[in-house]
Amino acid sequence: MSYNEAITSEHYEKWLEAMLSELESMEANKVWELVELQQGMKPIGCKWVFKTKRDLKGNIDRHKARLVAKGFTQQ
């Protein structure tokens, strides 16, 4: 599922809540910090990965969102 699919789905509020939770977790754990990009450097991109967690009966248990770096673009 892409970002556009998540925010236009009928469960967009749940996906938004999951994304905010991920950002809060990253901030609390000091995973990254915002810095100025040095001249001649290119930023590493990122993307959202969405997953629906289900219980044993197949019902939606929760919506999970992860923000991942596109490390493969690094040289």
N, C-alpha and C. Protein backbone atom coordinates (compact mmCIF):
# COMPACT_ATOMS: atom_id res chain seq x y z
N MET A 1 0.85 -1.17 0.00
CA MET A 1 0.00 0.00 0.00
C MET A 1 0.89 1.24 0.00
N SER A 2 0.57 2.17 -0.84
CA SER A 2 1.35 3.40 -0.93
C SER A 2 0.77 4.47 0.01
N TYR A 3 1.52 5.56 0.15
CA TYR A 3 1.06 6.68 0.97
C TYR A 3 -0.27 7.22 0.43
N ASN A 4 -0.35 7.41 -0.88
CA ASN A 4 -1.58 7.94 -1.47
C ASN A 4 -2.76 7.01 -1.25
N GLU A 5 -2.54 5.72 -1.34
CA GLU A 5 -3.61 4.76 -1.10
C GLU A 5 -4.06 4.81 0.36
N ALA A 6 -3.10 4.96 1.26
CA ALA A 6 -3.43 4.99 2.69
C ALA A 6 -4.26 6.21 3.05
N ILE A 7 -3.87 7.38 2.55
CA ILE A 7 -4.59 8.59 2.95
C ILE A 7 -5.91 8.78 2.21
N THR A 8 -6.13 8.02 1.15
CA THR A 8 -7.41 8.11 0.45
C THR A 8 -8.32 6.93 0.76
N SER A 9 -7.86 6.00 1.61
CA SER A 9 -8.68 4.84 1.95
C SER A 9 -9.73 5.22 2.98
N GLU A 10 -10.66 4.32 3.21
CA GLU A 10 -11.71 4.57 4.20
C GLU A 10 -11.16 4.55 5.62
N HIS A 11 -9.96 3.99 5.81
CA HIS A 11 -9.32 3.93 7.13
C HIS A 11 -8.23 4.98 7.28
N TYR A 12 -8.34 6.08 6.55
CA TYR A 12 -7.26 7.08 6.55
C TYR A 12 -6.97 7.62 7.95
N GLU A 13 -7.98 7.72 8.80
CA GLU A 13 -7.76 8.23 10.17
C GLU A 13 -6.86 7.27 10.95
N LYS A 14 -7.07 5.97 10.76
CA LYS A 14 -6.24 4.96 11.44
C LYS A 14 -4.81 5.02 10.92
N TRP A 15 -4.65 5.19 9.58
CA TRP A 15 -3.30 5.28 9.01
C TRP A 15 -2.60 6.55 9.48
N LEU A 16 -3.32 7.65 9.56
CA LEU A 16 -2.74 8.90 10.04
C LEU A 16 -2.28 8.76 11.49
N GLU A 17 -3.11 8.12 12.30
CA GLU A 17 -2.76 7.86 13.70
C GLU A 17 -1.50 6.99 13.79
N ALA A 18 -1.40 5.97 12.94
CA ALA A 18 -0.22 5.10 12.93
C ALA A 18 1.02 5.86 12.51
N MET A 19 0.90 6.76 11.53
CA MET A 19 2.04 7.55 11.08
C MET A 19 2.50 8.51 12.17
N LEU A 20 1.58 9.16 12.84
CA LEU A 20 1.93 10.07 13.93
C LEU A 20 2.60 9.32 15.08
N SER A 21 2.10 8.12 15.36
CA SER A 21 2.69 7.29 16.40
C SER A 21 4.13 6.93 16.04
N GLU A 22 4.39 6.60 14.78
CA GLU A 22 5.74 6.28 14.33
C GLU A 22 6.67 7.48 14.47
N LEU A 23 6.21 8.65 14.08
CA LEU A 23 7.03 9.86 14.20
C LEU A 23 7.33 10.20 15.65
N GLU A 24 6.34 10.04 16.52
CA GLU A 24 6.54 10.29 17.94
C GLU A 24 7.55 9.31 18.53
N SER A 25 7.46 8.06 18.11
CA SER A 25 8.39 7.04 18.58
C SER A 25 9.81 7.34 18.12
N MET A 26 9.95 7.76 16.88
CA MET A 26 11.27 8.10 16.36
C MET A 26 11.87 9.29 17.10
N GLU A 27 11.04 10.26 17.42
CA GLU A 27 11.52 11.45 18.15
C GLU A 27 11.90 11.07 19.58
N ALA A 28 11.08 10.27 20.23
CA ALA A 28 11.35 9.87 21.61
C ALA A 28 12.63 9.04 21.71
N ASN A 29 12.90 8.23 20.71
CA ASN A 29 14.09 7.37 20.72
C ASN A 29 15.31 8.04 20.08
N LYS A 30 15.15 9.30 19.69
CA LYS A 30 16.24 10.07 19.08
C LYS A 30 16.89 9.31 17.93
N VAL A 31 16.05 8.82 17.03
CA VAL A 31 16.51 8.03 15.89
C VAL A 31 17.24 8.89 14.87
N TRP A 32 16.81 10.12 14.71
CA TRP A 32 17.43 11.02 13.74
C TRP A 32 17.29 12.45 14.21
N GLU A 33 18.06 13.29 13.60
CA GLU A 33 17.93 14.72 13.87
C GLU A 33 18.03 15.47 12.55
N LEU A 34 17.37 16.58 12.49
CA LEU A 34 17.36 17.41 11.29
C LEU A 34 18.63 18.26 11.26
N VAL A 35 19.38 18.16 10.17
CA VAL A 35 20.61 18.93 10.01
C VAL A 35 20.60 19.61 8.64
N GLU A 36 21.43 20.63 8.51
CA GLU A 36 21.56 21.29 7.22
C GLU A 36 22.36 20.41 6.27
N LEU A 37 21.91 20.36 5.04
CA LEU A 37 22.59 19.55 4.04
C LEU A 37 23.81 20.30 3.53
N GLN A 38 24.96 19.65 3.60
CA GLN A 38 26.19 20.28 3.13
C GLN A 38 26.19 20.39 1.62
N GLN A 39 26.89 21.37 1.12
CA GLN A 39 26.94 21.60 -0.32
C GLN A 39 27.57 20.38 -1.01
N GLY A 40 26.98 19.97 -2.11
CA GLY A 40 27.47 18.83 -2.87
C GLY A 40 26.93 17.49 -2.40
N MET A 41 26.21 17.46 -1.29
CA MET A 41 25.64 16.23 -0.76
C MET A 41 24.19 16.08 -1.22
N LYS A 42 23.75 14.84 -1.36
CA LYS A 42 22.36 14.57 -1.72
C LYS A 42 21.69 13.88 -0.53
N PRO A 43 20.46 14.26 -0.24
CA PRO A 43 19.77 13.63 0.89
C PRO A 43 19.36 12.20 0.55
N ILE A 44 19.27 11.38 1.59
CA ILE A 44 18.75 10.02 1.42
C ILE A 44 17.24 10.11 1.58
N GLY A 45 16.51 9.60 0.63
CA GLY A 45 15.05 9.66 0.67
C GLY A 45 14.47 8.67 1.67
N CYS A 46 13.18 8.76 1.85
CA CYS A 46 12.49 7.83 2.73
C CYS A 46 11.11 7.55 2.15
N LYS A 47 10.48 6.51 2.68
CA LYS A 47 9.12 6.19 2.25
C LYS A 47 8.37 5.53 3.38
N TRP A 48 7.05 5.60 3.31
CA TRP A 48 6.20 4.97 4.31
C TRP A 48 5.88 3.55 3.87
N VAL A 49 5.90 2.63 4.84
CA VAL A 49 5.49 1.24 4.61
C VAL A 49 4.32 0.98 5.54
N PHE A 50 3.22 0.52 4.98
CA PHE A 50 1.99 0.30 5.75
C PHE A 50 1.67 -1.18 5.82
N LYS A 51 1.19 -1.61 7.00
CA LYS A 51 0.81 -3.00 7.17
C LYS A 51 -0.39 -3.06 8.10
N THR A 52 -1.34 -3.91 7.75
CA THR A 52 -2.51 -4.13 8.58
C THR A 52 -2.27 -5.38 9.41
N LYS A 53 -2.29 -5.25 10.72
CA LYS A 53 -2.11 -6.39 11.62
C LYS A 53 -3.49 -6.97 11.90
N ARG A 54 -3.58 -8.29 11.84
CA ARG A 54 -4.86 -8.97 12.07
C ARG A 54 -4.76 -9.94 13.24
N ASP A 55 -5.91 -10.20 13.89
CA ASP A 55 -5.94 -11.17 14.98
C ASP A 55 -6.12 -12.57 14.41
N LEU A 56 -6.26 -13.56 15.28
CA LEU A 56 -6.37 -14.95 14.83
C LEU A 56 -7.62 -15.22 13.99
N LYS A 57 -8.65 -14.41 14.17
CA LYS A 57 -9.89 -14.60 13.40
C LYS A 57 -9.88 -13.84 12.08
N GLY A 58 -8.81 -13.08 11.82
CA GLY A 58 -8.70 -12.34 10.57
C GLY A 58 -9.25 -10.93 10.65
N ASN A 59 -9.69 -10.51 11.82
CA ASN A 59 -10.19 -9.15 12.00
C ASN A 59 -9.01 -8.19 12.12
N ILE A 60 -9.21 -6.97 11.68
CA ILE A 60 -8.15 -5.97 11.78
C ILE A 60 -7.89 -5.66 13.25
N ASP A 61 -6.65 -5.89 13.67
CA ASP A 61 -6.24 -5.64 15.05
C ASP A 61 -5.70 -4.22 15.19
N ARG A 62 -4.84 -3.81 14.24
CA ARG A 62 -4.32 -2.45 14.24
C ARG A 62 -3.67 -2.13 12.91
N HIS A 63 -3.45 -0.85 12.70
CA HIS A 63 -2.78 -0.36 11.50
C HIS A 63 -1.37 0.06 11.90
N LYS A 64 -0.39 -0.39 11.14
CA LYS A 64 1.00 -0.10 11.48
C LYS A 64 1.66 0.63 10.32
N ALA A 65 2.40 1.69 10.64
CA ALA A 65 3.11 2.47 9.63
C ALA A 65 4.56 2.60 10.06
N ARG A 66 5.47 2.43 9.11
CA ARG A 66 6.89 2.59 9.36
C ARG A 66 7.48 3.55 8.35
N LEU A 67 8.34 4.43 8.80
CA LEU A 67 9.06 5.33 7.92
C LEU A 67 10.46 4.75 7.75
N VAL A 68 10.80 4.38 6.52
CA VAL A 68 12.08 3.73 6.26
C VAL A 68 12.93 4.57 5.31
N ALA A 69 14.23 4.52 5.53
CA ALA A 69 15.17 5.24 4.67
C ALA A 69 15.44 4.40 3.42
N LYS A 70 15.63 5.09 2.32
CA LYS A 70 15.99 4.41 1.07
C LYS A 70 17.52 4.35 0.99
N GLY A 71 18.10 3.51 1.84
CA GLY A 71 19.54 3.41 1.96
C GLY A 71 20.22 2.93 0.69
N PHE A 72 19.48 2.26 -0.18
CA PHE A 72 20.06 1.75 -1.41
C PHE A 72 20.49 2.87 -2.36
N THR A 73 20.04 4.10 -2.11
CA THR A 73 20.42 5.23 -2.96
C THR A 73 21.75 5.84 -2.53
N GLN A 74 22.27 5.34 -1.40
CA GLN A 74 23.51 5.87 -0.83
C GLN A 74 24.72 5.35 -1.60
N GLN A 75 25.71 6.21 -1.81
CA GLN A 75 26.94 5.77 -2.49
C GLN A 75 28.12 5.86 -1.55
